[in-house]
Amino acid sequence: MDVGFSAENMALIRRLAANIIRTMDSGRRIADARRNATYAPNYLRGLLGKVFIK
């Protein structure tokens, strides 16, 4: 089975998420912000809204 570039793609998604958190919510540790985005959908919606809706 050929997995192609899945590892590189996931690494890119992780870096993108870390950069969004780093630029939009600089007062919070990245690990805490990722955890908060997992458990609090409104926090995630707010982060994505800042990036994609201007």
Protein backbone atom coordinates (compact mmCIF):
# COMPACT_ATOMS: atom_id res chain seq x y z
CA MET A 1 0.00 0.00 0.00
CA ASP A 2 1.36 3.39 -1.02
CA VAL A 3 0.60 6.17 1.44
CA GLY A 4 2.05 8.90 -0.75
CA PHE A 5 2.63 12.19 0.96
CA SER A 6 0.30 11.80 3.92
CA ALA A 7 3.00 12.39 6.55
CA GLU A 8 4.12 15.59 4.85
CA ASN A 9 0.52 16.75 4.49
CA MET A 10 -0.21 16.18 8.19
CA ALA A 11 2.98 18.02 9.15
CA LEU A 12 1.84 20.96 7.03
CA ILE A 13 -1.57 21.00 8.72
CA ARG A 14 0.07 20.90 12.17
CA ARG A 15 2.37 23.80 11.28
CA LEU A 16 -0.55 25.77 9.88
CA ALA A 17 -2.57 25.24 13.07
CA ALA A 18 0.39 26.22 15.26
CA ASN A 19 0.96 29.38 13.23
CA ILE A 20 -2.71 30.36 13.44
CA ILE A 21 -2.64 29.95 17.22
CA ARG A 22 0.70 31.74 17.54
CA THR A 23 -0.45 34.79 15.55
CA MET A 24 -4.06 35.03 16.76
CA ASP A 25 -3.71 34.13 20.44
CA SER A 26 -0.17 35.01 21.47
CA GLY A 27 -0.95 35.16 25.20
CA ARG A 28 -1.57 31.42 25.44
CA ARG A 29 0.76 28.44 25.21
CA ILE A 30 0.29 26.50 21.97
CA ALA A 31 -0.48 23.24 23.79
CA ASP A 32 -3.14 24.96 25.92
CA ALA A 33 -4.66 26.67 22.90
CA ARG A 34 -4.81 23.39 20.94
CA ARG A 35 -6.47 21.69 23.90
CA ASN A 36 -8.91 24.56 24.29
CA ALA A 37 -9.77 24.42 20.57
CA THR A 38 -10.51 20.71 20.96
CA TYR A 39 -12.85 21.09 23.94
CA ALA A 40 -14.37 24.51 23.25
CA PRO A 41 -15.90 24.78 19.77
CA ASN A 42 -16.56 28.51 20.23
CA TYR A 43 -12.83 29.14 20.79
CA LEU A 44 -11.99 27.22 17.59
CA ARG A 45 -14.71 29.08 15.69
CA GLY A 46 -13.27 32.37 16.94
CA LEU A 47 -9.76 31.50 15.80
CA LEU A 48 -10.91 30.37 12.37
CA GLY A 49 -13.17 33.39 12.07
CA LYS A 50 -10.21 35.71 12.64
CA VAL A 51 -8.29 33.98 9.85
CA PHE A 52 -10.92 33.39 7.18
CA ILE A 53 -13.50 36.12 7.80
CA LYS A 54 -12.20 39.66 7.68
